[in-house]
C-alpha atoms as a PDB file:
ATOM      1  CA  UNK A   1      -6.672 -27.029  -1.674  1.00  0.00           C
ATOM      2  CA  UNK A   2      -7.065 -28.717  -5.034  1.00  0.00           C
ATOM      3  CA  UNK A   3     -10.470 -30.366  -5.650  1.00  0.00           C
ATOM      4  CA  UNK A   4     -10.539 -33.663  -7.562  1.00  0.00           C
ATOM      5  CA  UNK A   5     -13.247 -35.709  -9.143  1.00  0.00           C
ATOM      6  CA  UNK A   6     -12.717 -39.412  -8.502  1.00  0.00           C
ATOM      7  CA  UNK A   7     -13.753 -41.895 -11.186  1.00  0.00           C
ATOM      8  CA  UNK A   8     -17.392 -43.060 -10.962  1.00  0.00           C
ATOM      9  CA  UNK A   9     -17.461 -45.646 -13.737  1.00  0.00           C
ATOM     10  CA  UNK A  10     -14.132 -47.419 -13.589  1.00  0.00           C
ATOM     11  CA  UNK A  11     -14.889 -51.023 -13.306  1.00  0.00           C
ATOM     12  CA  UNK A  12     -18.224 -50.769 -15.185  1.00  0.00           C
ATOM     13  CA  UNK A  13     -18.055 -48.689 -18.396  1.00  0.00           C
ATOM     14  CA  UNK A  14     -14.258 -49.262 -18.596  1.00  0.00           C
ATOM     15  CA  UNK A  15     -11.703 -51.291 -16.653  1.00  0.00           C
ATOM     16  CA  UNK A  16     -10.526 -50.121 -13.200  1.00  0.00           C
ATOM     17  CA  UNK A  17      -7.053 -51.437 -13.966  1.00  0.00           C
ATOM     18  CA  UNK A  18      -4.663 -49.182 -15.920  1.00  0.00           C
ATOM     19  CA  UNK A  19      -3.009 -52.145 -17.711  1.00  0.00           C
ATOM     20  CA  UNK A  20      -6.332 -53.478 -18.867  1.00  0.00           C
ATOM     21  CA  UNK A  21      -7.331 -50.105 -20.211  1.00  0.00           C
ATOM     22  CA  UNK A  22      -4.082 -49.886 -22.211  1.00  0.00           C
ATOM     23  CA  UNK A  23      -4.501 -53.458 -23.517  1.00  0.00           C
ATOM     24  CA  UNK A  24      -8.114 -52.740 -24.631  1.00  0.00           C
ATOM     25  CA  UNK A  25      -6.957 -49.643 -26.486  1.00  0.00           C
ATOM     26  CA  UNK A  26      -4.041 -51.485 -28.111  1.00  0.00           C
ATOM     27  CA  UNK A  27      -6.549 -54.106 -29.319  1.00  0.00           C
ATOM     28  CA  UNK A  28      -8.769 -51.308 -30.696  1.00  0.00           C
ATOM     29  CA  UNK A  29      -5.763 -49.968 -32.646  1.00  0.00           C
ATOM     30  CA  UNK A  30      -5.418 -53.233 -34.603  1.00  0.00           C
ATOM     31  CA  UNK A  31      -8.529 -52.259 -36.624  1.00  0.00           C
ATOM     32  CA  UNK A  32      -7.997 -50.658 -40.102  1.00  0.00           C
ATOM     33  CA  UNK A  33      -7.905 -46.895 -39.671  1.00  0.00           C
ATOM     34  CA  UNK A  34      -7.150 -43.886 -41.892  1.00  0.00           C
ATOM     35  CA  UNK A  35      -7.358 -40.504 -40.195  1.00  0.00           C
ATOM     36  CA  UNK A  36      -7.997 -37.639 -42.645  1.00  0.00           C
ATOM     37  CA  UNK A  37      -5.130 -35.425 -43.623  1.00  0.00           C
ATOM     38  CA  UNK A  38      -5.608 -31.790 -42.758  1.00  0.00           C
ATOM     39  CA  UNK A  39      -6.323 -29.695 -39.670  1.00  0.00           C
ATOM     40  CA  UNK A  40      -8.733 -31.603 -37.517  1.00  0.00           C
ATOM     41  CA  UNK A  41     -10.293 -29.459 -34.755  1.00  0.00           C
ATOM     42  CA  UNK A  42     -12.815 -31.773 -33.206  1.00  0.00           C
ATOM     43  CA  UNK A  43     -14.657 -35.055 -33.338  1.00  0.00           C
ATOM     44  CA  UNK A  44     -17.846 -36.886 -32.317  1.00  0.00           C
ATOM     45  CA  UNK A  45     -17.141 -39.736 -30.002  1.00  0.00           C
ATOM     46  CA  UNK A  46     -19.434 -42.329 -28.520  1.00  0.00           C
ATOM     47  CA  UNK A  47     -19.698 -42.907 -24.807  1.00  0.00           C
ATOM     48  CA  UNK A  48     -20.980 -46.486 -24.114  1.00  0.00           C
ATOM     49  CA  UNK A  49     -19.039 -49.146 -22.382  1.00  0.00           C
ATOM     50  CA  UNK A  50     -15.637 -49.772 -23.975  1.00  0.00           C
ATOM     51  CA  UNK A  51     -16.631 -53.312 -24.986  1.00  0.00           C
ATOM     52  CA  UNK A  52     -19.425 -51.797 -27.125  1.00  0.00           C
ATOM     53  CA  UNK A  53     -18.175 -48.418 -28.488  1.00  0.00           C
ATOM     54  CA  UNK A  54     -14.497 -48.292 -27.496  1.00  0.00           C
ATOM     55  CA  UNK A  55     -13.245 -49.201 -30.933  1.00  0.00           C
ATOM     56  CA  UNK A  56     -15.214 -46.313 -32.419  1.00  0.00           C
ATOM     57  CA  UNK A  57     -14.105 -43.915 -29.713  1.00  0.00           C
ATOM     58  CA  UNK A  58     -10.485 -44.852 -30.384  1.00  0.00           C
ATOM     59  CA  UNK A  59     -10.827 -43.482 -33.913  1.00  0.00           C
ATOM     60  CA  UNK A  60     -12.243 -40.195 -32.665  1.00  0.00           C
ATOM     61  CA  UNK A  61      -9.456 -39.837 -30.185  1.00  0.00           C
ATOM     62  CA  UNK A  62      -6.756 -40.612 -32.757  1.00  0.00           C
ATOM     63  CA  UNK A  63      -7.780 -37.256 -34.288  1.00  0.00           C
ATOM     64  CA  UNK A  64      -6.086 -35.393 -31.396  1.00  0.00           C
ATOM     65  CA  UNK A  65      -3.106 -37.832 -31.010  1.00  0.00           C
ATOM     66  CA  UNK A  66       0.192 -36.106 -30.195  1.00  0.00           C
ATOM     67  CA  UNK A  67      -1.218 -32.662 -31.106  1.00  0.00           C
ATOM     68  CA  UNK A  68       0.142 -29.639 -29.417  1.00  0.00           C
ATOM     69  CA  UNK A  69      -3.113 -28.728 -27.825  1.00  0.00           C
ATOM     70  CA  UNK A  70      -3.502 -26.188 -25.075  1.00  0.00           C
ATOM     71  CA  UNK A  71      -6.689 -27.989 -24.077  1.00  0.00           C
ATOM     72  CA  UNK A  72      -9.190 -30.675 -25.039  1.00  0.00           C
ATOM     73  CA  UNK A  73     -12.697 -29.625 -24.430  1.00  0.00           C
ATOM     74  CA  UNK A  74     -15.160 -32.491 -23.656  1.00  0.00           C
ATOM     75  CA  UNK A  75     -18.791 -31.614 -24.159  1.00  0.00           C
ATOM     76  CA  UNK A  76     -21.233 -34.132 -22.814  1.00  0.00           C
ATOM     77  CA  UNK A  77     -25.018 -34.334 -22.277  1.00  0.00           C
ATOM     78  CA  UNK A  78     -26.676 -34.966 -18.919  1.00  0.00           C
ATOM     79  CA  UNK A  79     -28.300 -38.372 -18.651  1.00  0.00           C
ATOM     80  CA  UNK A  80     -29.449 -37.835 -15.110  1.00  0.00           C
ATOM     81  CA  UNK A  81     -30.999 -34.371 -14.662  1.00  0.00           C
ATOM     82  CA  UNK A  82     -32.384 -31.544 -16.790  1.00  0.00           C
ATOM     83  CA  UNK A  83     -30.961 -28.081 -16.303  1.00  0.00           C
ATOM     84  CA  UNK A  84     -31.232 -25.155 -18.598  1.00  0.00           C
ATOM     85  CA  UNK A  85     -27.876 -23.553 -18.558  1.00  0.00           C
ATOM     86  CA  UNK A  86     -24.645 -25.255 -19.710  1.00  0.00           C
ATOM     87  CA  UNK A  87     -21.998 -25.688 -16.964  1.00  0.00           C
ATOM     88  CA  UNK A  88     -18.207 -26.128 -16.867  1.00  0.00           C
ATOM     89  CA  UNK A  89     -16.475 -28.334 -14.276  1.00  0.00           C
ATOM     90  CA  UNK A  90     -15.560 -26.336 -11.228  1.00  0.00           C
ATOM     91  CA  UNK A  91     -12.852 -28.633  -9.770  1.00  0.00           C
ATOM     92  CA  UNK A  92      -9.116 -28.729 -10.538  1.00  0.00           C
ATOM     93  CA  UNK A  93      -8.476 -32.379 -11.477  1.00  0.00           C
ATOM     94  CA  UNK A  94     -10.224 -35.455 -12.758  1.00  0.00           C
ATOM     95  CA  UNK A  95      -8.931 -38.894 -11.689  1.00  0.00           C
ATOM     96  CA  UNK A  96      -9.033 -42.161 -13.722  1.00  0.00           C
ATOM     97  CA  UNK A  97      -7.176 -45.401 -13.119  1.00  0.00           C
ATOM     98  CA  UNK A  98      -4.519 -43.913 -15.431  1.00  0.00           C
ATOM     99  CA  UNK A  99      -3.864 -41.056 -13.037  1.00  0.00           C
ATOM    100  CA  UNK A 100      -4.837 -37.351 -12.691  1.00  0.00           C
ATOM    101  CA  UNK A 101      -5.705 -34.904 -15.477  1.00  0.00           C
ATOM    102  CA  UNK A 102      -5.655 -31.223 -14.842  1.00  0.00           C
ATOM    103  CA  UNK A 103      -8.564 -29.052 -15.649  1.00  0.00           C
ATOM    104  CA  UNK A 104      -7.811 -25.911 -17.759  1.00  0.00           C
ATOM    105  CA  UNK A 105      -8.396 -23.217 -15.173  1.00  0.00           C
ATOM    106  CA  UNK A 106      -7.616 -20.412 -17.582  1.00  0.00           C
ATOM    107  CA  UNK A 107     -10.052 -21.711 -20.040  1.00  0.00           C
ATOM    108  CA  UNK A 108     -12.698 -22.194 -17.388  1.00  0.00           C
ATOM    109  CA  UNK A 109     -12.328 -18.534 -16.292  1.00  0.00           C
ATOM    110  CA  UNK A 110     -12.821 -17.348 -19.849  1.00  0.00           C
ATOM    111  CA  UNK A 111     -16.026 -19.491 -20.227  1.00  0.00           C
ATOM    112  CA  UNK A 112     -17.303 -18.143 -16.864  1.00  0.00           C
ATOM    113  CA  UNK A 113     -16.674 -14.668 -18.143  1.00  0.00           C
ATOM    114  CA  UNK A 114     -18.597 -15.554 -21.320  1.00  0.00           C
ATOM    115  CA  UNK A 115     -21.651 -16.503 -19.274  1.00  0.00           C
ATOM    116  CA  UNK A 116     -21.124 -20.212 -18.694  1.00  0.00           C
ATOM    117  CA  UNK A 117     -21.728 -21.240 -14.981  1.00  0.00           C
ATOM    118  CA  UNK A 118     -19.289 -23.418 -13.052  1.00  0.00           C
ATOM    119  CA  UNK A 119     -20.420 -26.303 -10.882  1.00  0.00           C
ATOM    120  CA  UNK A 120     -19.133 -29.763 -10.080  1.00  0.00           C
ATOM    121  CA  UNK A 121     -22.433 -31.465  -9.040  1.00  0.00           C
ATOM    122  CA  UNK A 122     -23.800 -32.336 -12.447  1.00  0.00           C
ATOM    123  CA  UNK A 123     -20.595 -34.046 -13.358  1.00  0.00           C
ATOM    124  CA  UNK A 124     -20.531 -36.516 -10.429  1.00  0.00           C
ATOM    125  CA  UNK A 125     -23.089 -39.044 -11.748  1.00  0.00           C
ATOM    126  CA  UNK A 126     -22.446 -38.549 -15.404  1.00  0.00           C
ATOM    127  CA  UNK A 127     -20.517 -41.133 -17.593  1.00  0.00           C
ATOM    128  CA  UNK A 128     -20.556 -39.370 -20.980  1.00  0.00           C
ATOM    129  CA  UNK A 129     -17.517 -37.254 -20.199  1.00  0.00           C
ATOM    130  CA  UNK A 130     -15.616 -39.572 -17.924  1.00  0.00           C
ATOM    131  CA  UNK A 131     -15.307 -42.427 -20.384  1.00  0.00           C
ATOM    132  CA  UNK A 132     -13.498 -40.043 -22.863  1.00  0.00           C
ATOM    133  CA  UNK A 133     -10.727 -39.164 -20.369  1.00  0.00           C
ATOM    134  CA  UNK A 134      -8.642 -42.367 -20.405  1.00  0.00           C
ATOM    135  CA  UNK A 135      -8.407 -42.083 -24.271  1.00  0.00           C
ATOM    136  CA  UNK A 136      -7.124 -38.526 -23.801  1.00  0.00           C
ATOM    137  CA  UNK A 137      -4.561 -39.688 -21.282  1.00  0.00           C
ATOM    138  CA  UNK A 138      -3.306 -42.323 -23.768  1.00  0.00           C
ATOM    139  CA  UNK A 139      -3.294 -40.275 -26.948  1.00  0.00           C
ATOM    140  CA  UNK A 140      -2.591 -36.726 -25.622  1.00  0.00           C
ATOM    141  CA  UNK A 141      -0.842 -37.237 -22.326  1.00  0.00           C
ATOM    142  CA  UNK A 142      -0.350 -34.183 -20.248  1.00  0.00           C
ATOM    143  CA  UNK A 143      -2.887 -32.059 -22.123  1.00  0.00           C
ATOM    144  CA  UNK A 144      -5.382 -30.253 -19.978  1.00  0.00           C
ATOM    145  CA  UNK A 145      -9.075 -30.999 -20.295  1.00  0.00           C
ATOM    146  CA  UNK A 146     -12.139 -28.655 -20.017  1.00  0.00           C
ATOM    147  CA  UNK A 147     -15.388 -30.693 -19.355  1.00  0.00           C
ATOM    148  CA  UNK A 148     -18.669 -28.960 -20.230  1.00  0.00           C
ATOM    149  CA  UNK A 149     -22.132 -30.390 -19.693  1.00  0.00           C
ATOM    150  CA  UNK A 150     -25.259 -29.442 -21.479  1.00  0.00           C
ATOM    151  CA  UNK A 151     -28.571 -30.243 -19.857  1.00  0.00           C
ATOM    152  CA  UNK A 152     -30.868 -28.605 -22.345  1.00  0.00           C
ATOM    153  CA  UNK A 153     -30.131 -30.107 -25.761  1.00  0.00           C
ATOM    154  CA  UNK A 154     -31.277 -27.109 -27.714  1.00  0.00           C
ATOM    155  CA  UNK A 155     -29.842 -24.936 -30.450  1.00  0.00           C
ATOM    156  CA  UNK A 156     -29.613 -22.029 -27.996  1.00  0.00           C
ATOM    157  CA  UNK A 157     -27.601 -24.008 -25.468  1.00  0.00           C
ATOM    158  CA  UNK A 158     -25.257 -25.322 -28.171  1.00  0.00           C
ATOM    159  CA  UNK A 159     -24.707 -21.890 -29.623  1.00  0.00           C
ATOM    160  CA  UNK A 160     -24.030 -20.435 -26.126  1.00  0.00           C
ATOM    161  CA  UNK A 161     -21.301 -22.942 -25.590  1.00  0.00           C
ATOM    162  CA  UNK A 162     -19.820 -22.375 -29.046  1.00  0.00           C
ATOM    163  CA  UNK A 163     -19.692 -18.635 -28.493  1.00  0.00           C
ATOM    164  CA  UNK A 164     -17.845 -19.042 -25.251  1.00  0.00           C
ATOM    165  CA  UNK A 165     -15.401 -21.569 -26.803  1.00  0.00           C
ATOM    166  CA  UNK A 166     -14.548 -19.153 -29.598  1.00  0.00           C
ATOM    167  CA  UNK A 167     -13.114 -16.808 -26.980  1.00  0.00           C
ATOM    168  CA  UNK A 168     -10.417 -19.408 -25.839  1.00  0.00           C
ATOM    169  CA  UNK A 169      -6.823 -18.574 -26.778  1.00  0.00           C
ATOM    170  CA  UNK A 170      -4.366 -21.025 -28.245  1.00  0.00           C
ATOM    171  CA  UNK A 171      -5.142 -24.384 -29.738  1.00  0.00           C
ATOM    172  CA  UNK A 172      -8.303 -26.225 -28.710  1.00  0.00           C
ATOM    173  CA  UNK A 173      -9.655 -29.591 -29.747  1.00  0.00           C
ATOM    174  CA  UNK A 174     -13.421 -30.156 -29.248  1.00  0.00           C
ATOM    175  CA  UNK A 175     -14.833 -33.535 -28.364  1.00  0.00           C
ATOM    176  CA  UNK A 176     -18.622 -33.905 -28.588  1.00  0.00           C
ATOM    177  CA  UNK A 177     -19.671 -37.001 -26.661  1.00  0.00           C
ATOM    178  CA  UNK A 178     -22.727 -38.790 -28.091  1.00  0.00           C
ATOM    179  CA  UNK A 179     -24.272 -42.085 -28.990  1.00  0.00           C
ATOM    180  CA  UNK A 180     -26.955 -42.232 -31.769  1.00  0.00           C
ATOM    181  CA  UNK A 181     -30.135 -44.319 -31.983  1.00  0.00           C
ATOM    182  CA  UNK A 182     -31.463 -45.990 -28.791  1.00  0.00           C
ATOM    183  CA  UNK A 183     -34.227 -48.541 -29.330  1.00  0.00           C
ATOM    184  CA  UNK A 184     -35.355 -52.032 -30.063  1.00  0.00           C
ATOM    185  CA  UNK A 185     -35.125 -52.239 -33.803  1.00  0.00           C
ATOM    186  CA  UNK A 186     -31.918 -53.001 -35.668  1.00  0.00           C
ATOM    187  CA  UNK A 187     -33.285 -51.907 -39.040  1.00  0.00           C
ATOM    188  CA  UNK A 188     -34.651 -48.630 -37.622  1.00  0.00           C
ATOM    189  CA  UNK A 189     -31.319 -48.057 -35.892  1.00  0.00           C
ATOM    190  CA  UNK A 190     -29.409 -48.250 -39.220  1.00  0.00           C
ATOM    191  CA  UNK A 191     -31.937 -46.143 -41.085  1.00  0.00           C
ATOM    192  CA  UNK A 192     -32.191 -43.531 -38.336  1.00  0.00           C
ATOM    193  CA  UNK A 193     -28.440 -43.370 -37.832  1.00  0.00           C
ATOM    194  CA  UNK A 194     -27.784 -42.950 -41.588  1.00  0.00           C
ATOM    195  CA  UNK A 195     -30.060 -39.890 -41.564  1.00  0.00           C
ATOM    196  CA  UNK A 196     -28.550 -38.496 -38.349  1.00  0.00           C
ATOM    197  CA  UNK A 197     -25.029 -38.776 -39.785  1.00  0.00           C
ATOM    198  CA  UNK A 198     -26.084 -37.138 -43.019  1.00  0.00           C
ATOM    199  CA  UNK A 199     -27.489 -34.253 -41.054  1.00  0.00           C
ATOM    200  CA  UNK A 200     -24.277 -33.864 -39.033  1.00  0.00           C
ATOM    201  CA  UNK A 201     -22.287 -33.835 -42.290  1.00  0.00           C
ATOM    202  CA  UNK A 202     -24.292 -30.835 -43.516  1.00  0.00           C
ATOM    203  CA  UNK A 203     -22.396 -28.787 -40.831  1.00  0.00           C
ATOM    204  CA  UNK A 204     -25.639 -26.905 -40.226  1.00  0.00           C
ATOM    205  CA  UNK A 205     -26.571 -26.851 -36.446  1.00  0.00           C
ATOM    206  CA  UNK A 206     -30.021 -25.418 -37.119  1.00  0.00           C
ATOM    207  CA  UNK A 207     -31.001 -28.146 -39.523  1.00  0.00           C
ATOM    208  CA  UNK A 208     -29.494 -30.861 -37.374  1.00  0.00           C
ATOM    209  CA  UNK A 209     -31.481 -29.571 -34.309  1.00  0.00           C
ATOM    210  CA  UNK A 210     -34.654 -29.508 -36.345  1.00  0.00           C
ATOM    211  CA  UNK A 211     -34.259 -33.143 -37.327  1.00  0.00           C
ATOM    212  CA  UNK A 212     -33.557 -34.034 -33.709  1.00  0.00           C
ATOM    213  CA  UNK A 213     -36.728 -32.249 -32.531  1.00  0.00           C
ATOM    214  CA  UNK A 214     -38.878 -34.212 -35.040  1.00  0.00           C
ATOM    215  CA  UNK A 215     -37.338 -37.561 -34.082  1.00  0.00           C
ATOM    216  CA  UNK A 216     -36.093 -38.159 -37.608  1.00  0.00           C
ATOM    217  CA  UNK A 217     -32.553 -37.888 -36.218  1.00  0.00           C
ATOM    218  CA  UNK A 218     -31.444 -39.243 -32.864  1.00  0.00           C
ATOM    219  CA  UNK A 219     -28.439 -38.498 -30.688  1.00  0.00           C
ATOM    220  CA  UNK A 220     -28.359 -38.425 -26.891  1.00  0.00           C
ATOM    221  CA  UNK A 221     -25.585 -35.863 -27.201  1.00  0.00           C
ATOM    222  CA  UNK A 222     -27.531 -33.650 -29.523  1.00  0.00           C
ATOM    223  CA  UNK A 223     -26.529 -30.474 -27.619  1.00  0.00           C
ATOM    224  CA  UNK A 224     -22.735 -31.285 -27.647  1.00  0.00           C
ATOM    225  CA  UNK A 225     -22.907 -31.997 -31.407  1.00  0.00           C
ATOM    226  CA  UNK A 226     -24.820 -28.726 -31.947  1.00  0.00           C
ATOM    227  CA  UNK A 227     -22.128 -26.899 -30.016  1.00  0.00           C
ATOM    228  CA  UNK A 228     -19.393 -28.461 -32.169  1.00  0.00           C
ATOM    229  CA  UNK A 229     -21.195 -27.631 -35.378  1.00  0.00           C
ATOM    230  CA  UNK A 230     -21.791 -24.067 -34.173  1.00  0.00           C
ATOM    231  CA  UNK A 231     -18.230 -23.697 -33.115  1.00  0.00           C
ATOM    232  CA  UNK A 232     -17.037 -25.062 -36.474  1.00  0.00           C
ATOM    233  CA  UNK A 233     -19.017 -22.366 -38.209  1.00  0.00           C
ATOM    234  CA  UNK A 234     -17.185 -19.669 -36.160  1.00  0.00           C
ATOM    235  CA  UNK A 235     -13.703 -21.000 -36.856  1.00  0.00           C
ATOM    236  CA  UNK A 236     -14.049 -22.029 -40.454  1.00  0.00           C
ATOM    237  CA  UNK A 237     -14.673 -25.773 -40.521  1.00  0.00           C
ATOM    238  CA  UNK A 238     -15.161 -26.859 -44.159  1.00  0.00           C
ATOM    239  CA  UNK A 239     -16.025 -30.504 -43.881  1.00  0.00           C
ATOM    240  CA  UNK A 240     -16.754 -33.449 -41.618  1.00  0.00           C
ATOM    241  CA  UNK A 241     -15.698 -37.023 -42.375  1.00  0.00           C
ATOM    242  CA  UNK A 242     -17.135 -40.246 -40.943  1.00  0.00           C
ATOM    243  CA  UNK A 243     -14.255 -42.477 -39.618  1.00  0.00           C
ATOM    244  CA  UNK A 244     -16.529 -45.440 -38.790  1.00  0.00           C
ATOM    245  CA  UNK A 245     -20.025 -46.332 -37.790  1.00  0.00           C
ATOM    246  CA  UNK A 246     -21.437 -49.373 -35.957  1.00  0.00           C
ATOM    247  CA  UNK A 247     -24.102 -50.330 -33.492  1.00  0.00           C
ATOM    248  CA  UNK A 248     -24.255 -52.535 -30.403  1.00  0.00           C
ATOM    249  CA  UNK A 249     -26.010 -55.314 -32.277  1.00  0.00           C
ATOM    250  CA  UNK A 250     -23.280 -55.567 -34.830  1.00  0.00           C
ATOM    251  CA  UNK A 251     -20.639 -55.412 -32.099  1.00  0.00           C
ATOM    252  CA  UNK A 252     -22.204 -58.254 -30.119  1.00  0.00           C
ATOM    253  CA  UNK A 253     -23.209 -60.241 -33.201  1.00  0.00           C
ATOM    254  CA  UNK A 254     -26.893 -60.282 -32.326  1.00  0.00           C
ATOM    255  CA  UNK A 255     -29.818 -58.794 -34.318  1.00  0.00           C
ATOM    256  CA  UNK A 256     -32.365 -58.527 -31.595  1.00  0.00           C
ATOM    257  CA  UNK A 257     -32.957 -56.674 -28.340  1.00  0.00           C
ATOM    258  CA  UNK A 258     -31.781 -53.149 -27.497  1.00  0.00           C
ATOM    259  CA  UNK A 259     -29.622 -51.428 -30.090  1.00  0.00           C
ATOM    260  CA  UNK A 260     -27.544 -48.287 -29.857  1.00  0.00           C
ATOM    261  CA  UNK A 261     -25.626 -46.564 -32.652  1.00  0.00           C
ATOM    262  CA  UNK A 262     -22.010 -45.344 -32.458  1.00  0.00           C
ATOM    263  CA  UNK A 263     -20.105 -43.115 -34.836  1.00  0.00           C
ATOM    264  CA  UNK A 264     -16.741 -41.292 -34.944  1.00  0.00           C
ATOM    265  CA  UNK A 265     -16.747 -38.164 -37.131  1.00  0.00           C
ATOM    266  CA  UNK A 266     -13.762 -35.760 -37.652  1.00  0.00           C
ATOM    267  CA  UNK A 267     -14.202 -32.085 -38.330  1.00  0.00           C
ATOM    268  CA  UNK A 268     -11.622 -30.261 -40.445  1.00  0.00           C
ATOM    269  CA  UNK A 269     -10.890 -26.720 -41.616  1.00  0.00           C
END
């Protein structure tokens, strides 16, 4: 019997109606966009509600549009529980209002053989991966996904995931799900996010993790970004390019209250 994960955040982080999802994405596509030429193997994408970060996430997902991918790996952080070892989704399908998406069972078996555990429980309450899936259904329909969650946002965890991913056959696109600064200062948000992005663009996972540990850089998906950076080193990524940055204050037109940073970054080799 096939096991399926139902949507947990349809109707809150994104619409629960498929036509409304499609209309939102169509509106996001009216923004000026220029996707880098070259072989893009992955991207950083934000994971807030679509009304806040959906336009930025759209740019990240355009990087895999119509590609002949064997799988799209989604790496997300855990916002609900700490656990030391990374896990891969153990079920067979994920469901969104747009329909079902198949989990890459072959890829999962390879990750398990590389020391990554399989479990479905950490994924049930987590939004950081689910919100990416409707974009994948729109821009790369029919492509299998491979959700991975990192509970310990450390260099070691990221490198473990990267090593396992490097064993996958065929063509793989890596999506690191992360927002940036979280806090109550618009100015600190912009300053911190500028530094965080600069550190990501160095393509150095160790340096990025060090800046995260000191608080000079901030990313709730630090582990997923470290995994993408480490994977990029293994497969010959030569540069990363910022597609667009914004924050929740700029999106809503307010300069007070809680502020969260969002960025889309493409990785090329």
